[in-house]
């Protein structure tokens, strides 16, 4: 700027050329007279693109409708309404590098606008494992975590699923981060149009910066007429899912915000998760088994059982020499808990091993006398460290409430 002001030659036309830039829309409001045919509004910004807009359209036109492609030099902005955002992003990743992305759940937006079910909005992050149908039925807002594989960014459970994750190049660098600040601000701004009270349940603060970044935004956006309450689940995966599930029950039962705040503390304290890890590769890569412990565990083919401490920090609850030995340890832990204080609800998640999960569910049912609340695939962010073949059981203890399974 100083050179431009003091040197007239800098103001020549050739020096003032500005390259056109493509940006994703910050906020998009979808209005439908009836439920949308395609559920997800998906949008991406790509760099290093060598295809024309026509070529890009031809390659992905079968994935949905409302397709718009804008190109500028080596960049492209793509917009589509689709039921399979993971397929869309997997395909466009072959066109160039995905540098920005967003996915809006238009069906959820439509349902909230047409028939808001509850007075209190419930928000969580994608690490919470829950059945997709339950999330939609209870109109739960999910903030996706970010997953970076080499140079390609993904939105957990939206633009990447377990199928694609486990098929990735195992030499690829993998990392994760909390939901973006822009996404959180936009989601709260949207909720403010329909709700006066919001409860946010996050992954354990000890495991992620998610709680802190959402809390910061919540403090800035909360007003006397728009209250946001933060709850640290001190859990992840299925444990976090069980906390969200119970709070959803309380909201549906008509409990007030202050009542739920009081009930949440003992709920969190009485919820636990145990993870039987089949391979330690992911734990070594993510640093969960630091130093010499990781290579030693791999050499000896050890099967660690992972849990969380009371403050939400990770810890090793036991080590077995075989997968079956690890499963026995896990079931013993469950039985011990149940004798101490009855388990009122439990659920099971797995890393691409539904057969093992079903076997564990059958064994747990024999001990506890009732079926799990759900059996689901684990979040890709958690699968990154737990590894393929991992199975986790989450439990909640306490007085059985009407409506609990």
Protein backbone atom coordinates (compact mmCIF):
# COMPACT_ATOMS: atom_id res chain seq x y z
CA UNK A 1 0.00 0.00 0.00
CA UNK A 2 2.87 2.38 0.83
CA UNK A 3 4.52 1.68 -2.53
CA UNK A 4 1.26 2.31 -4.36
CA UNK A 5 0.81 5.68 -2.67
CA UNK A 6 4.37 6.88 -3.30
CA UNK A 7 5.07 5.30 -6.70
CA UNK A 8 2.65 6.33 -9.51
CA UNK A 9 3.89 3.44 -11.70
CA UNK A 10 2.30 1.00 -9.24
CA UNK A 11 -1.12 2.37 -10.20
CA UNK A 12 -0.86 1.26 -13.85
CA UNK A 13 -3.67 -0.94 -15.10
CA UNK A 14 -1.56 -4.09 -15.45
CA UNK A 15 -0.52 -3.86 -11.79
CA UNK A 16 -4.10 -3.52 -10.60
CA UNK A 17 -5.39 -6.78 -12.09
CA UNK A 18 -7.39 -8.74 -9.49
CA UNK A 19 -8.06 -12.42 -9.98
CA UNK A 20 -11.72 -13.33 -9.58
CA UNK A 21 -12.29 -15.33 -6.39
CA UNK A 22 -14.86 -17.98 -5.69
CA UNK A 23 -16.30 -18.24 -2.19
CA UNK A 24 -18.85 -20.42 -0.49
CA UNK A 25 -22.00 -18.69 0.68
CA UNK A 26 -21.79 -17.94 4.38
CA UNK A 27 -25.47 -18.61 5.06
CA UNK A 28 -28.05 -20.22 2.84
CA UNK A 29 -31.74 -20.38 3.71
CA UNK A 30 -33.79 -23.04 1.97
CA UNK A 31 -37.51 -22.53 1.51
CA UNK A 32 -39.73 -25.37 0.36
CA UNK A 33 -43.48 -25.68 0.05
CA UNK A 34 -43.02 -29.42 0.61
CA UNK A 35 -40.28 -31.76 1.84
CA UNK A 36 -37.23 -31.60 -0.44
CA UNK A 37 -36.60 -34.50 -2.81
CA UNK A 38 -32.88 -34.33 -2.09
CA UNK A 39 -31.92 -33.93 1.56
CA UNK A 40 -28.50 -32.25 1.54
CA UNK A 41 -27.44 -28.96 -0.01
CA UNK A 42 -23.74 -29.61 -0.66
CA UNK A 43 -21.21 -27.03 -1.73
CA UNK A 44 -17.46 -27.17 -2.30
CA UNK A 45 -14.59 -24.96 -3.35
CA UNK A 46 -11.77 -26.68 -5.24
CA UNK A 47 -8.30 -25.64 -6.31
CA UNK A 48 -5.97 -27.23 -8.88
CA UNK A 49 -8.89 -27.97 -11.20
CA UNK A 50 -8.08 -28.67 -14.84
CA UNK A 51 -11.60 -29.48 -16.01
CA UNK A 52 -14.11 -27.11 -17.56
CA UNK A 53 -17.46 -26.40 -15.94
CA UNK A 54 -19.15 -28.51 -18.62
CA UNK A 55 -16.88 -31.48 -17.89
CA UNK A 56 -17.48 -31.20 -14.14
CA UNK A 57 -21.26 -31.08 -14.64
CA UNK A 58 -21.24 -34.12 -16.89
CA UNK A 59 -19.32 -36.15 -14.30
CA UNK A 60 -21.66 -35.52 -11.36
CA UNK A 61 -25.05 -34.64 -12.83
CA UNK A 62 -26.49 -38.04 -11.80
CA UNK A 63 -25.91 -37.34 -8.08
CA UNK A 64 -28.76 -34.87 -7.58
CA UNK A 65 -30.31 -31.66 -8.85
CA UNK A 66 -29.83 -27.86 -8.57
CA UNK A 67 -26.32 -28.37 -9.91
CA UNK A 68 -24.31 -25.17 -10.37
CA UNK A 69 -20.64 -25.11 -11.37
CA UNK A 70 -18.57 -21.93 -11.56
CA UNK A 71 -14.93 -22.02 -12.62
CA UNK A 72 -12.21 -19.40 -12.46
CA UNK A 73 -8.71 -20.22 -13.74
CA UNK A 74 -7.76 -23.34 -11.72
CA UNK A 75 -10.58 -23.06 -9.15
CA UNK A 76 -14.15 -24.32 -9.10
CA UNK A 77 -17.20 -23.75 -6.93
CA UNK A 78 -19.76 -26.55 -7.07
CA UNK A 79 -23.28 -26.58 -5.64
CA UNK A 80 -25.67 -29.54 -5.68
CA UNK A 81 -28.69 -30.95 -3.84
CA UNK A 82 -28.05 -34.64 -3.18
CA UNK A 83 -28.94 -37.57 -0.95
CA UNK A 84 -25.36 -38.85 -0.97
CA UNK A 85 -22.96 -36.02 -0.05
CA UNK A 86 -20.22 -38.55 0.65
CA UNK A 87 -20.40 -39.80 -2.97
CA UNK A 88 -20.42 -36.23 -4.26
CA UNK A 89 -17.31 -35.21 -2.32
CA UNK A 90 -15.54 -38.49 -3.06
CA UNK A 91 -16.10 -37.86 -6.77
CA UNK A 92 -15.09 -34.19 -6.86
CA UNK A 93 -11.92 -34.95 -4.89
CA UNK A 94 -10.67 -36.50 -8.15
CA UNK A 95 -11.11 -33.14 -9.91
CA UNK A 96 -8.81 -31.16 -7.60
CA UNK A 97 -8.14 -30.26 -3.97
CA UNK A 98 -11.18 -29.57 -1.76
CA UNK A 99 -10.22 -26.42 0.16
CA UNK A 100 -13.63 -25.50 1.60
CA UNK A 101 -16.99 -27.21 1.92
CA UNK A 102 -20.35 -27.10 3.60
CA UNK A 103 -23.40 -29.34 3.82
CA UNK A 104 -26.88 -28.20 4.94
CA UNK A 105 -29.55 -30.69 5.99
CA UNK A 106 -32.51 -29.26 4.07
CA UNK A 107 -34.91 -31.94 5.31
CA UNK A 108 -34.17 -31.10 8.95
CA UNK A 109 -34.53 -27.39 8.18
CA UNK A 110 -37.89 -28.05 6.51
CA UNK A 111 -39.17 -30.12 9.45
CA UNK A 112 -38.09 -27.57 12.06
CA UNK A 113 -39.81 -24.79 10.11
CA UNK A 114 -43.00 -26.73 9.45
CA UNK A 115 -43.34 -28.52 12.79
CA UNK A 116 -40.80 -27.79 15.49
CA UNK A 117 -41.09 -30.74 17.89
CA UNK A 118 -39.65 -29.30 21.08
CA UNK A 119 -39.25 -25.96 22.79
CA UNK A 120 -35.53 -26.56 23.47
CA UNK A 121 -33.05 -27.16 20.65
CA UNK A 122 -30.50 -29.94 21.20
CA UNK A 123 -27.06 -29.63 19.59
CA UNK A 124 -24.12 -32.03 19.62
CA UNK A 125 -21.02 -32.77 17.58
CA UNK A 126 -20.52 -35.67 15.18
CA UNK A 127 -18.38 -37.67 17.62
CA UNK A 128 -21.62 -38.59 19.42
CA UNK A 129 -22.73 -41.93 17.97
CA UNK A 130 -26.49 -42.14 17.52
CA UNK A 131 -28.88 -43.69 14.97
CA UNK A 132 -29.44 -41.31 12.04
CA UNK A 133 -33.20 -41.86 12.20
CA UNK A 134 -33.27 -40.82 15.87
CA UNK A 135 -31.31 -37.64 15.12
CA UNK A 136 -33.80 -36.63 12.44
CA UNK A 137 -36.85 -37.71 14.44
CA UNK A 138 -35.79 -35.62 17.46
CA UNK A 139 -34.52 -32.74 15.27
CA UNK A 140 -31.06 -32.86 16.84
CA UNK A 141 -28.54 -30.45 15.31
CA UNK A 142 -25.15 -32.09 14.66
CA UNK A 143 -21.97 -30.05 14.15
CA UNK A 144 -19.59 -32.14 12.03
CA UNK A 145 -15.95 -32.49 13.05
CA UNK A 146 -13.32 -31.87 10.38
CA UNK A 147 -11.20 -34.74 9.13
CA UNK A 148 -8.14 -34.06 7.00
CA UNK A 149 -6.68 -36.89 4.92
CA UNK A 150 -3.50 -35.65 3.27
CA UNK A 151 -4.64 -32.36 1.66
CA UNK A 152 -8.32 -33.23 1.39
CA UNK A 153 -10.78 -31.95 3.99
CA UNK A 154 -13.90 -33.89 5.02
CA UNK A 155 -16.93 -33.33 7.25
CA UNK A 156 -17.36 -36.26 9.63
CA UNK A 157 -20.43 -38.43 8.86
CA UNK A 158 -21.44 -36.14 5.99
CA UNK A 159 -18.78 -35.94 3.31
CA UNK A 160 -16.95 -39.03 4.53
CA UNK A 161 -18.38 -42.30 5.82
CA UNK A 162 -16.71 -45.33 7.30
CA UNK A 163 -16.74 -47.11 3.93
CA UNK A 164 -14.57 -44.43 2.34
CA UNK A 165 -12.44 -44.00 5.46
CA UNK A 166 -11.39 -47.64 5.69
CA UNK A 167 -10.64 -47.76 1.96
CA UNK A 168 -8.22 -44.82 2.15
CA UNK A 169 -4.50 -45.10 1.45
CA UNK A 170 -3.07 -46.21 4.80
CA UNK A 171 0.07 -44.15 4.19
CA UNK A 172 -2.01 -40.95 4.03
CA UNK A 173 -1.62 -38.40 6.82
CA UNK A 174 -4.80 -38.19 8.90
CA UNK A 175 -5.77 -35.54 11.44
CA UNK A 176 -8.94 -34.03 12.87
CA UNK A 177 -10.16 -30.72 14.29
CA UNK A 178 -13.25 -29.25 15.91
CA UNK A 179 -16.14 -27.77 13.91
CA UNK A 180 -15.25 -24.46 12.28
CA UNK A 181 -16.06 -21.18 13.97
CA UNK A 182 -18.06 -20.10 10.92
CA UNK A 183 -20.21 -23.24 11.06
CA UNK A 184 -20.96 -22.82 14.77
CA UNK A 185 -21.90 -19.15 14.38
CA UNK A 186 -24.14 -19.90 11.41
CA UNK A 187 -25.88 -22.77 13.21
CA UNK A 188 -26.63 -20.67 16.29
CA UNK A 189 -27.85 -17.80 14.08
CA UNK A 190 -30.21 -20.26 12.36
CA UNK A 191 -31.48 -21.70 15.67
CA UNK A 192 -32.15 -18.21 17.00
CA UNK A 193 -34.92 -17.88 14.40
CA UNK A 194 -36.83 -20.85 15.85
CA UNK A 195 -35.80 -21.34 19.49
CA UNK A 196 -35.25 -19.36 22.67
CA UNK A 197 -33.27 -22.06 24.49
CA UNK A 198 -30.48 -24.36 23.31
CA UNK A 199 -28.58 -27.21 24.99
CA UNK A 200 -25.20 -28.17 23.53
CA UNK A 201 -23.63 -31.52 24.48
CA UNK A 202 -20.02 -31.91 23.35
CA UNK A 203 -17.27 -34.49 23.31
CA UNK A 204 -15.12 -34.43 26.46
CA UNK A 205 -13.25 -31.14 26.83
CA UNK A 206 -10.15 -33.18 27.81
CA UNK A 207 -10.20 -34.87 24.39
CA UNK A 208 -10.98 -31.97 22.06
CA UNK A 209 -11.12 -28.20 21.76
CA UNK A 210 -14.73 -28.50 20.61
CA UNK A 211 -16.25 -27.57 23.98
CA UNK A 212 -14.10 -24.45 24.28
CA UNK A 213 -14.72 -23.09 20.78
CA UNK A 214 -18.50 -23.64 21.00
CA UNK A 215 -18.60 -22.14 24.50
CA UNK A 216 -16.84 -19.00 23.25
CA UNK A 217 -19.41 -18.54 20.47
CA UNK A 218 -22.27 -19.36 22.86
CA UNK A 219 -21.15 -16.66 25.29
CA UNK A 220 -20.98 -14.10 22.50
CA UNK A 221 -24.37 -14.99 20.99
CA UNK A 222 -26.41 -15.65 24.14
CA UNK A 223 -28.96 -12.98 25.05
CA UNK A 224 -31.79 -12.74 27.62
CA UNK A 225 -34.13 -14.07 24.92
CA UNK A 226 -31.74 -16.69 23.48
CA UNK A 227 -30.06 -18.83 26.12
CA UNK A 228 -27.39 -21.44 25.29
CA UNK A 229 -26.39 -24.00 27.92
CA UNK A 230 -23.15 -25.97 27.50
CA UNK A 231 -22.74 -29.54 28.80
CA UNK A 232 -19.39 -31.33 28.72
CA UNK A 233 -20.35 -34.99 28.27
CA UNK A 234 -16.88 -36.04 29.50
CA UNK A 235 -17.39 -38.86 27.00
CA UNK A 236 -16.93 -39.61 23.34
CA UNK A 237 -18.50 -41.94 20.77
CA UNK A 238 -21.22 -44.15 22.23
CA UNK A 239 -20.84 -42.68 25.74
CA UNK A 240 -21.51 -39.21 24.41
CA UNK A 241 -24.37 -40.60 22.34
CA UNK A 242 -26.04 -42.00 25.47
CA UNK A 243 -25.82 -38.63 27.21
CA UNK A 244 -27.44 -36.94 24.19
CA UNK A 245 -30.08 -39.68 24.02
CA UNK A 246 -31.12 -39.17 27.65
CA UNK A 247 -31.21 -35.39 27.36
CA UNK A 248 -33.38 -35.76 24.24
CA UNK A 249 -35.77 -37.87 26.34
CA UNK A 250 -35.92 -35.16 28.99
CA UNK A 251 -36.59 -32.46 26.39
CA UNK A 252 -39.36 -34.57 24.85
CA UNK A 253 -40.84 -35.12 28.35
CA UNK A 254 -41.12 -31.35 28.79
CA UNK A 255 -38.46 -30.79 31.43
CA UNK A 256 -37.22 -27.22 31.74
CA UNK A 257 -33.75 -25.99 30.87
CA UNK A 258 -32.80 -25.56 34.54
CA UNK A 259 -34.12 -29.04 35.41
CA UNK A 260 -32.04 -30.62 32.65
CA UNK A 261 -28.93 -28.69 33.75
CA UNK A 262 -29.26 -30.18 37.24
CA UNK A 263 -29.95 -33.69 35.95
CA UNK A 264 -27.05 -33.59 33.47
CA UNK A 265 -24.29 -33.67 36.08
CA UNK A 266 -25.21 -37.06 37.64
CA UNK A 267 -26.04 -38.39 34.17
CA UNK A 268 -22.53 -37.61 32.95
CA UNK A 269 -21.00 -39.06 36.13
CA UNK A 270 -22.96 -42.30 35.68
CA UNK A 271 -22.10 -42.81 32.01
CA UNK A 272 -19.05 -44.80 30.93
CA UNK A 273 -17.47 -46.15 27.76
CA UNK A 274 -15.20 -49.16 27.21
CA UNK A 275 -13.47 -49.74 23.89
CA UNK A 276 -12.02 -53.09 22.86
CA UNK A 277 -9.32 -52.30 20.29
CA UNK A 278 -8.53 -54.96 17.70
CA UNK A 279 -5.41 -53.26 16.31
CA UNK A 280 -3.12 -50.62 17.83
CA UNK A 281 -2.07 -49.10 14.48
CA UNK A 282 -4.53 -46.23 14.74
CA UNK A 283 -3.61 -45.56 18.36
CA UNK A 284 0.07 -45.38 17.48
CA UNK A 285 -0.58 -43.02 14.56
CA UNK A 286 -2.77 -40.73 16.67
CA UNK A 287 -0.38 -40.74 19.64
CA UNK A 288 -2.76 -42.56 22.03
CA UNK A 289 0.01 -45.09 22.70
CA UNK A 290 3.08 -42.86 22.89
CA UNK A 291 6.77 -43.66 23.10
CA UNK A 292 7.80 -47.30 23.17
CA UNK A 293 4.43 -48.56 24.37
CA UNK A 294 2.84 -48.51 20.90
CA UNK A 295 5.50 -50.49 19.00
CA UNK A 296 5.78 -52.92 21.93
CA UNK A 297 2.01 -53.51 22.01
CA UNK A 298 2.03 -54.08 18.25
CA UNK A 299 4.97 -56.50 18.39
CA UNK A 300 3.28 -58.53 21.14
CA UNK A 301 -0.13 -58.27 19.40
CA UNK A 302 -1.70 -56.87 22.57
CA UNK A 303 -5.37 -55.88 22.63
CA UNK A 304 -5.83 -52.88 24.95
CA UNK A 305 -9.18 -51.90 26.43
CA UNK A 306 -9.61 -48.14 26.49
CA UNK A 307 -11.84 -46.09 28.76
CA UNK A 308 -12.23 -42.56 30.05
CA UNK A 309 -11.43 -41.13 33.45
CA UNK A 310 -13.97 -39.14 35.46
CA UNK A 311 -12.69 -35.87 33.97
CA UNK A 312 -13.00 -37.19 30.40
CA UNK A 313 -9.33 -37.96 29.81
CA UNK A 314 -8.40 -41.23 28.10
CA UNK A 315 -6.91 -44.16 29.99
CA UNK A 316 -6.08 -47.85 29.45
CA UNK A 317 -8.52 -49.99 31.47
CA UNK A 318 -6.89 -53.31 30.66
CA UNK A 319 -4.74 -55.28 28.22
CA UNK A 320 -5.46 -58.71 26.77
CA UNK A 321 -3.48 -61.09 24.56
CA UNK A 322 -6.35 -61.81 22.19
CA UNK A 323 -9.55 -60.27 20.85
CA UNK A 324 -11.69 -62.76 22.77
CA UNK A 325 -9.69 -62.02 25.91
CA UNK A 326 -10.35 -58.31 25.46
CA UNK A 327 -14.06 -58.99 25.00
CA UNK A 328 -14.14 -61.04 28.20
CA UNK A 329 -12.47 -58.22 30.11
CA UNK A 330 -14.99 -55.74 28.76
CA UNK A 331 -17.96 -57.91 29.70
CA UNK A 332 -16.54 -58.41 33.21
CA UNK A 333 -16.33 -54.64 33.60
CA UNK A 334 -19.97 -54.34 32.55
CA UNK A 335 -21.06 -57.06 34.98
CA UNK A 336 -19.14 -55.41 37.82
CA UNK A 337 -20.77 -52.07 37.12
CA UNK A 338 -24.22 -53.65 36.98
CA UNK A 339 -23.76 -55.33 40.38
CA UNK A 340 -22.62 -52.05 41.92
CA UNK A 341 -25.43 -49.96 40.45
CA UNK A 342 -27.92 -51.20 37.84
CA UNK A 343 -27.18 -50.31 34.21
CA UNK A 344 -30.37 -48.75 32.86
CA UNK A 345 -29.29 -48.21 29.25
CA UNK A 346 -26.40 -49.32 27.08
CA UNK A 347 -25.42 -49.17 23.42
CA UNK A 348 -22.72 -50.59 21.16
CA UNK A 349 -20.70 -49.08 18.30
CA UNK A 350 -18.07 -50.64 16.06
CA UNK A 351 -15.38 -49.85 13.54
CA UNK A 352 -16.45 -51.74 10.42
CA UNK A 353 -17.13 -54.99 12.29
CA UNK A 354 -20.88 -55.44 12.63
CA UNK A 355 -20.50 -59.19 13.26
CA UNK A 356 -18.34 -58.62 16.33
CA UNK A 357 -20.68 -55.89 17.56
CA UNK A 358 -23.69 -58.22 17.28
CA UNK A 359 -21.82 -60.92 19.17
CA UNK A 360 -20.97 -58.48 21.96
CA UNK A 361 -24.58 -57.29 22.04
CA UNK A 362 -25.84 -60.86 22.51
CA UNK A 363 -23.38 -61.48 25.36
CA UNK A 364 -24.23 -58.18 27.04
CA UNK A 365 -27.94 -58.94 26.77
CA UNK A 366 -27.39 -62.26 28.55
CA UNK A 367 -25.77 -60.41 31.45
CA UNK A 368 -28.09 -57.41 31.66
CA UNK A 369 -31.41 -58.91 30.58
CA UNK A 370 -32.30 -56.33 27.93
CA UNK A 371 -31.19 -55.29 24.46
CA UNK A 372 -28.90 -52.35 23.65
CA UNK A 373 -30.54 -49.03 22.80
CA UNK A 374 -28.74 -49.13 19.46
CA UNK A 375 -25.86 -50.67 17.51
CA UNK A 376 -24.11 -48.22 15.17
CA UNK A 377 -20.93 -47.57 13.19
CA UNK A 378 -18.40 -45.52 15.14
CA UNK A 379 -17.55 -41.94 14.14
CA UNK A 380 -14.74 -41.75 11.58
CA UNK A 381 -12.91 -39.30 13.87
CA UNK A 382 -12.88 -41.87 16.69
CA UNK A 383 -12.14 -44.69 14.22
CA UNK A 384 -9.00 -42.77 13.29
CA UNK A 385 -7.47 -43.71 16.67
CA UNK A 386 -9.53 -46.75 17.72
CA UNK A 387 -8.84 -48.48 14.41
CA UNK A 388 -10.80 -50.89 12.25
CA UNK A 389 -12.41 -53.73 14.19
CA UNK A 390 -12.81 -51.78 17.43
CA UNK A 391 -16.00 -52.32 19.44
CA UNK A 392 -17.18 -49.99 22.20
CA UNK A 393 -19.92 -50.38 24.80
CA UNK A 394 -21.36 -47.34 26.51
CA UNK A 395 -23.39 -47.68 29.71
CA UNK A 396 -25.58 -45.45 31.85
CA UNK A 397 -26.33 -46.38 35.47
CA UNK A 398 -29.00 -45.07 37.80
CA UNK A 399 -32.71 -45.15 38.36
CA UNK A 400 -34.61 -46.46 35.35
CA UNK A 401 -36.89 -43.77 33.92
CA UNK A 402 -40.07 -44.33 31.96
CA UNK A 403 -39.31 -44.52 28.26
CA UNK A 404 -35.75 -45.82 28.64
CA UNK A 405 -34.85 -48.98 26.73
